[in-house]
Amino acid sequence: MTVLKGADIDRFLAAPRPDRPVILIYGTDAGLVSERCRMLVAAAVADPGDPFAVVQIDGDLLSRDPVRLVDEAHTLPMFGGRRLIRVRAGERPFVAAVSPLLADPPRDSTVLIEAGDLKKTSPLRTEAERSPHAAVIACYPDGEADLRRLIVEEARSAGLTVEPAALAHLAGLLGGDRAASRAEIRKICLYCHGSSTITLADVEAIAGDSLDLGAGDLVDAALGGQPAELDVLIMRSTAMGLPSQQVLTILGRQIASLHKALLAVAEGASRRQAAERFEPPVFGPRRDRVERQLGLWTPARLERAMDRTAEAAFEARVNARMAGMIASRLLLSLANQAQPRR
């Protein structure tokens, strides 16, 4: 199958197949795209630092000179082994450079194409998905199960285990960019060096400031009906380069969790009890903010907010350049909607 998913991706990245020498890795999670490209480069050539084995080409250059990619791909390796031609997509289309390779695949080279988000109608994505000589790997923000697996794997490699409460809390803070998530997990592992277990207190001590300040505070200000505070936070997060997809991912999770908690309130629980049983768990000032949010929303309004968040996430994937504006517009709209009515 040309489009790889799940465990097939890991197997392919560890041992690329010569019968699929054209590889397209794309998506909105730039960190995950970069990580998978590095894994494939390491598996595809004996020495990734050898300039005779690895050739890098800018996609915009190929749009003006498409024959260059064919020439490079069919050039015989000077010292044996396989060559890797790595193409980074830019603003201009270069499918004309790739099509000949899909029709006549190279025998001694691997062509790795690294791109951002591509629409289903993108000629590059369409042709690669149809070809039996290509492998296509999409990279979108990790779901909660993926994040939990990533946390456990990183902790295990550092000789650590993770308490269930710490795992749930940290997974609720991460998402949107694999590289950023992995960096935060490794920072916590370094903090816990010499211990055997990552506790909830460890996550609160290390991840609270750096992660909550980014996406968590934005989400809380939006769902807490605080547009003035949110406006300031948006400017700060933009200056920090916080990925918009990460914000939308965490916003979606928070809305779903609030909806579940409000159903518990409808069955007789108090808002404080619902906040105490919130999933993933919240503590300290964050618990107070969640309790406030439970008093501002109804299940029906949250369901509409879920739909709007899903639509915004899709729109941001399709139009990556406008992702920041799309996320900001949604957050401010929700903040105004959630303001307490006099």
Foldseek 3Di string as FASTA:
>chain_A
DQEDDDPRLVVCLQAPDLLQQEEEEEEAQLQVLVVSVVSNCVNQDVDSVDCLQEAEDEQVVCLVVLVVLVVVLQDARPVDAAHEYEYEYDDDDNVVSVVVCLVPPRRRYHYYYGYYFDDPPRPNNVSSSPGPNHHYYYDFKDDLVRLLVLLQVLQVVLQAGEDPLLSFVLSLQDIDYPNVSNVQSVVLSVVCRVHHYRYNVSCCVRVVPVRCLAQVVLLLLLLLLNLVVNVVSLVVNVVVVPRLLGNLNSNLVLLVQLLVLLVVVVVPDQLLVSLCVTTSHDDDVSSVSSSSSNVQDHNVVSVVLNVLSVVLSVVCSHVVVCNSVSSSVSSSVSSNSRHDDD
